[in-house]
């Protein structure tokens, strides 16, 4: 009896695919590692840079008054890492202070930093998801401090205030556009080595468009763009990017969505 030949195992859908990661350099490690594990080639091109706030007096004042707040909300993994670093430099967290995170990624970062009890939505990773939790429906006589970057959306604070809370902001970092050169990325695009782009905020998208110039915008409009929120997708489509895919929140979900895309369109 002659054994029938066995088929060679097929390559993973992301094998050899170049995926641009636009996150700030210090936040890109997890997504890059997951892409590598899926046999992709992460191409790091940060379009945001994280820096200290220009004026940290309000941040220090809020930290010194943490005992006066009922809830501290961290709106991103960066807010968690920078906020906890600033807190740790001055004091410990009050035992009675309730800690909340905008999503699972931020909660994971708080857990990593030693915060055990964190309130976070089971699904979603935005202000709307956190505000939908029943514990934030009635905020009368409650005081909230929101750790965030300079600027940003006001929906969370404004809605909590409408629900009766006293809200203060502790801006623990600021975002700025890097001064990096896009030539490496443009050359990779020209060689056909860029197969997908990931963007996780509208600000990062706007910076990407500015940084890559006219030629880069030409390539970007022809490259699948993966984003974790419909707001970012709308901004991308308005820029003429045709192939925009909205993934579930989280690095694992983004990598799974990219793999599914290329598995269906080899």
Protein backbone atom coordinates (compact mmCIF):
# COMPACT_ATOMS: atom_id res chain seq x y z
CA UNK A 1 0.00 0.00 0.00
CA UNK A 2 1.39 3.34 -1.02
CA UNK A 3 0.87 6.21 1.37
CA UNK A 4 -0.81 9.18 -0.21
CA UNK A 5 1.30 12.32 -0.10
CA UNK A 6 0.48 14.64 2.76
CA UNK A 7 -0.16 18.27 2.06
CA UNK A 8 2.39 20.71 3.39
CA UNK A 9 0.93 22.84 6.15
CA UNK A 10 -0.23 26.19 4.86
CA UNK A 11 1.54 29.32 6.03
CA UNK A 12 -0.22 31.50 8.61
CA UNK A 13 -2.28 34.26 6.98
CA UNK A 14 0.07 36.97 8.29
CA UNK A 15 3.30 35.21 7.32
CA UNK A 16 5.61 37.86 5.88
CA UNK A 17 2.99 40.60 5.99
CA UNK A 18 4.31 44.02 6.91
CA UNK A 19 2.04 45.76 9.42
CA UNK A 20 2.67 49.37 10.38
CA UNK A 21 2.35 50.08 14.12
CA UNK A 22 1.79 53.79 14.76
CA UNK A 23 1.53 53.72 18.55
CA UNK A 24 3.98 55.68 20.72
CA UNK A 25 7.21 53.69 20.97
CA UNK A 26 6.72 52.84 24.65
CA UNK A 27 3.24 51.44 23.94
CA UNK A 28 4.06 49.43 20.82
CA UNK A 29 5.67 46.41 22.43
CA UNK A 30 2.63 44.23 23.07
CA UNK A 31 1.05 44.72 19.65
CA UNK A 32 4.40 44.18 17.94
CA UNK A 33 4.99 40.97 19.89
CA UNK A 34 1.57 39.61 18.97
CA UNK A 35 2.18 40.42 15.31
CA UNK A 36 5.52 38.63 15.41
CA UNK A 37 3.88 35.62 17.06
CA UNK A 38 1.43 35.55 14.14
CA UNK A 39 4.41 35.54 11.70
CA UNK A 40 3.85 39.15 10.58
CA UNK A 41 6.57 41.80 10.35
CA UNK A 42 5.72 44.79 12.53
CA UNK A 43 6.99 48.07 11.10
CA UNK A 44 7.32 50.61 13.91
CA UNK A 45 6.43 54.15 12.86
CA UNK A 46 5.26 56.10 15.93
CA UNK A 47 2.96 58.98 15.05
CA UNK A 48 2.54 60.10 18.66
CA UNK A 49 5.13 60.88 21.28
CA UNK A 50 4.36 60.96 25.00
CA UNK A 51 5.91 63.73 27.09
CA UNK A 52 5.48 65.28 30.52
CA UNK A 53 2.78 67.95 30.93
CA UNK A 54 3.97 71.50 30.40
CA UNK A 55 2.59 72.47 33.82
CA UNK A 56 2.21 69.76 36.48
CA UNK A 57 0.97 71.95 39.34
CA UNK A 58 -2.68 70.88 38.93
CA UNK A 59 -1.60 67.24 38.77
CA UNK A 60 0.40 67.52 42.00
CA UNK A 61 -2.47 69.30 43.73
CA UNK A 62 -4.96 66.59 42.70
CA UNK A 63 -2.63 63.85 43.91
CA UNK A 64 -2.13 65.54 47.27
CA UNK A 65 -5.94 65.74 47.61
CA UNK A 66 -6.71 62.15 46.56
CA UNK A 67 -8.35 61.50 49.94
CA UNK A 68 -11.07 64.00 49.01
CA UNK A 69 -12.17 62.05 45.91
CA UNK A 70 -14.53 59.08 45.71
CA UNK A 71 -13.43 57.81 42.28
CA UNK A 72 -10.27 58.06 40.19
CA UNK A 73 -10.69 57.25 36.50
CA UNK A 74 -7.76 56.48 34.20
CA UNK A 75 -8.62 57.02 30.55
CA UNK A 76 -5.78 55.11 28.86
CA UNK A 77 -2.84 52.78 29.58
CA UNK A 78 -0.59 55.84 29.34
CA UNK A 79 -2.73 57.67 31.90
CA UNK A 80 -2.44 54.61 34.13
CA UNK A 81 1.35 54.33 33.87
CA UNK A 82 2.07 58.06 34.03
CA UNK A 83 -0.60 58.74 36.63
CA UNK A 84 0.50 55.94 38.95
CA UNK A 85 4.12 56.99 38.56
CA UNK A 86 3.20 60.53 39.61
CA UNK A 87 1.09 59.27 42.50
CA UNK A 88 3.83 56.92 43.70
CA UNK A 89 6.33 59.77 43.76
CA UNK A 90 4.20 61.65 46.31
CA UNK A 91 2.01 59.20 48.24
CA UNK A 92 0.07 55.92 48.26
CA UNK A 93 -3.45 55.40 46.95
CA UNK A 94 -6.15 55.99 49.59
CA UNK A 95 -7.76 52.71 50.60
CA UNK A 96 -11.31 54.01 50.07
CA UNK A 97 -10.65 55.46 46.60
CA UNK A 98 -12.50 53.58 43.86
CA UNK A 99 -10.33 53.04 40.78
CA UNK A 100 -11.88 52.83 37.31
CA UNK A 101 -10.42 52.25 33.86
CA UNK A 102 -11.76 53.17 30.44
CA UNK A 103 -11.21 49.64 29.12
CA UNK A 104 -9.48 46.30 29.61
CA UNK A 105 -6.10 47.54 28.35
CA UNK A 106 -6.04 50.31 30.92
CA UNK A 107 -7.25 47.93 33.63
CA UNK A 108 -4.46 45.50 32.69
CA UNK A 109 -1.88 48.25 33.08
CA UNK A 110 -3.28 49.20 36.51
CA UNK A 111 -3.18 45.56 37.60
CA UNK A 112 0.44 45.38 36.43
CA UNK A 113 1.20 48.38 38.62
CA UNK A 114 -0.29 46.73 41.68
CA UNK A 115 -3.86 48.05 41.71
CA UNK A 116 -6.00 45.01 42.45
CA UNK A 117 -9.59 46.27 42.34
CA UNK A 118 -10.35 48.09 39.11
CA UNK A 119 -13.78 48.88 37.71
CA UNK A 120 -13.85 48.55 33.91
CA UNK A 121 -16.47 47.76 31.26
CA UNK A 122 -16.60 44.14 30.13
CA UNK A 123 -16.84 45.26 26.52
CA UNK A 124 -15.80 48.47 24.83
CA UNK A 125 -12.94 50.78 25.66
CA UNK A 126 -14.27 54.31 25.54
CA UNK A 127 -16.11 56.86 27.64
CA UNK A 128 -19.48 55.57 26.48
CA UNK A 129 -18.72 52.05 27.71
CA UNK A 130 -17.64 53.24 31.15
CA UNK A 131 -20.61 55.59 31.47
CA UNK A 132 -22.97 52.70 30.69
CA UNK A 133 -21.97 50.90 33.91
CA UNK A 134 -24.82 51.09 36.48
CA UNK A 135 -22.49 52.32 39.24
CA UNK A 136 -21.96 55.58 37.30
CA UNK A 137 -25.65 56.25 36.63
CA UNK A 138 -26.21 58.40 39.73
CA UNK A 139 -23.18 60.43 40.77
CA UNK A 140 -24.82 62.93 43.13
CA UNK A 141 -22.52 64.00 45.99
CA UNK A 142 -19.61 62.04 44.51
CA UNK A 143 -16.29 63.57 43.53
CA UNK A 144 -14.24 62.25 40.60
CA UNK A 145 -10.69 62.87 39.42
CA UNK A 146 -9.89 61.89 35.83
CA UNK A 147 -6.28 61.07 34.98
CA UNK A 148 -5.72 61.84 31.31
CA UNK A 149 -3.48 63.54 28.77
CA UNK A 150 -3.68 67.23 28.02
CA UNK A 151 -6.86 67.94 26.07
CA UNK A 152 -8.92 65.06 24.77
CA UNK A 153 -12.62 64.34 24.75
CA UNK A 154 -14.78 66.02 27.37
CA UNK A 155 -17.69 63.57 27.19
CA UNK A 156 -16.74 61.58 30.27
CA UNK A 157 -16.29 64.52 32.62
CA UNK A 158 -19.25 66.45 31.27
CA UNK A 159 -21.61 63.47 31.54
CA UNK A 160 -20.51 62.64 35.08
CA UNK A 161 -21.05 66.29 36.04
CA UNK A 162 -24.55 66.19 34.49
CA UNK A 163 -25.22 63.13 36.65
CA UNK A 164 -24.32 65.07 39.78
CA UNK A 165 -20.58 64.51 40.24
CA UNK A 166 -17.90 67.06 41.01
CA UNK A 167 -15.21 66.45 38.39
CA UNK A 168 -11.55 67.48 38.28
CA UNK A 169 -8.83 66.60 35.78
CA UNK A 170 -5.30 65.44 36.51
CA UNK A 171 -3.38 65.80 33.24
CA UNK A 172 -0.36 63.56 33.64
CA UNK A 173 1.08 63.62 30.11
CA UNK A 174 0.79 65.31 26.76
CA UNK A 175 0.88 63.98 23.24
CA UNK A 176 2.91 65.52 20.46
CA UNK A 177 3.83 64.70 16.91
CA UNK A 178 7.27 63.08 16.56
CA UNK A 179 9.90 64.61 14.34
CA UNK A 180 10.75 61.25 12.76
CA UNK A 181 11.65 60.78 9.09
CA UNK A 182 9.13 58.85 6.98
CA UNK A 183 11.60 57.83 4.27
CA UNK A 184 12.09 54.33 5.65
CA UNK A 185 8.36 53.74 5.63
CA UNK A 186 7.93 55.22 2.16
CA UNK A 187 10.68 53.01 0.77
CA UNK A 188 9.04 49.94 2.34
CA UNK A 189 5.72 50.94 0.77
CA UNK A 190 7.40 51.39 -2.61
CA UNK A 191 8.93 47.89 -2.38
CA UNK A 192 5.51 46.39 -1.66
CA UNK A 193 6.47 45.48 1.91
CA UNK A 194 3.60 47.30 3.67
CA UNK A 195 0.37 45.26 3.70
CA UNK A 196 -1.60 46.87 6.54
CA UNK A 197 -1.58 49.90 8.85
CA UNK A 198 -2.85 50.09 12.43
CA UNK A 199 -3.99 53.34 14.07
CA UNK A 200 -5.54 53.64 17.52
CA UNK A 201 -6.57 57.32 17.73
CA UNK A 202 -7.71 60.14 15.49
CA UNK A 203 -4.74 62.23 16.57
CA UNK A 204 -2.36 59.45 15.54
CA UNK A 205 -4.12 59.22 12.18
CA UNK A 206 -3.86 62.97 11.58
CA UNK A 207 -0.16 62.90 12.44
CA UNK A 208 0.41 59.91 10.15
CA UNK A 209 -1.19 61.74 7.24
CA UNK A 210 0.98 64.81 7.88
CA UNK A 211 4.20 62.86 8.40
CA UNK A 212 4.10 60.69 5.26
CA UNK A 213 3.45 63.54 2.83
CA UNK A 214 1.86 63.39 -0.59
CA UNK A 215 3.47 60.11 -1.66
CA UNK A 216 2.66 58.44 1.64
CA UNK A 217 -0.96 59.55 1.46
CA UNK A 218 -1.14 57.93 -1.99
CA UNK A 219 0.05 54.62 -0.54
CA UNK A 220 -2.09 54.95 2.59
CA UNK A 221 -5.30 55.27 0.57
CA UNK A 222 -4.49 51.91 -1.05
CA UNK A 223 -3.56 50.03 2.14
CA UNK A 224 -5.99 48.30 4.54
CA UNK A 225 -6.29 50.38 7.72
CA UNK A 226 -7.27 48.71 11.01
CA UNK A 227 -8.71 50.87 13.79
CA UNK A 228 -10.42 50.03 17.14
CA UNK A 229 -13.25 52.56 16.98
CA UNK A 230 -15.80 53.85 14.48
CA UNK A 231 -14.83 57.47 15.23
CA UNK A 232 -11.35 56.80 13.87
CA UNK A 233 -12.82 54.95 10.88
CA UNK A 234 -15.02 57.93 10.01
CA UNK A 235 -12.01 60.25 10.10
CA UNK A 236 -10.06 57.84 7.88
CA UNK A 237 -12.83 57.57 5.32
CA UNK A 238 -13.10 61.34 5.21
CA UNK A 239 -9.43 61.37 4.20
CA UNK A 240 -10.16 59.09 1.25
CA UNK A 241 -8.90 55.83 2.75
CA UNK A 242 -11.14 53.23 1.16
CA UNK A 243 -10.34 50.01 3.04
CA UNK A 244 -10.97 50.79 6.72
CA UNK A 245 -11.78 47.98 9.14
CA UNK A 246 -13.03 48.50 12.70
CA UNK A 247 -11.80 45.86 15.14
CA UNK A 248 -12.84 45.04 18.68
CA UNK A 249 -10.79 46.81 21.38
CA UNK A 250 -7.47 45.30 22.43
CA UNK A 251 -4.27 44.17 20.76
CA UNK A 252 -5.35 40.54 20.49
CA UNK A 253 -8.57 41.54 18.75
CA UNK A 254 -6.70 43.76 16.31
CA UNK A 255 -4.23 41.03 15.35
CA UNK A 256 -7.08 38.53 14.99
CA UNK A 257 -8.94 40.94 12.69
CA UNK A 258 -5.88 41.49 10.52
CA UNK A 259 -5.29 37.73 10.30
CA UNK A 260 -8.93 37.13 9.34
CA UNK A 261 -8.72 39.81 6.67
CA UNK A 262 -5.71 38.25 4.98
CA UNK A 263 -7.02 34.71 5.42
CA UNK A 264 -10.07 35.74 3.41
CA UNK A 265 -8.01 37.74 0.89
CA UNK A 266 -4.71 35.90 0.47
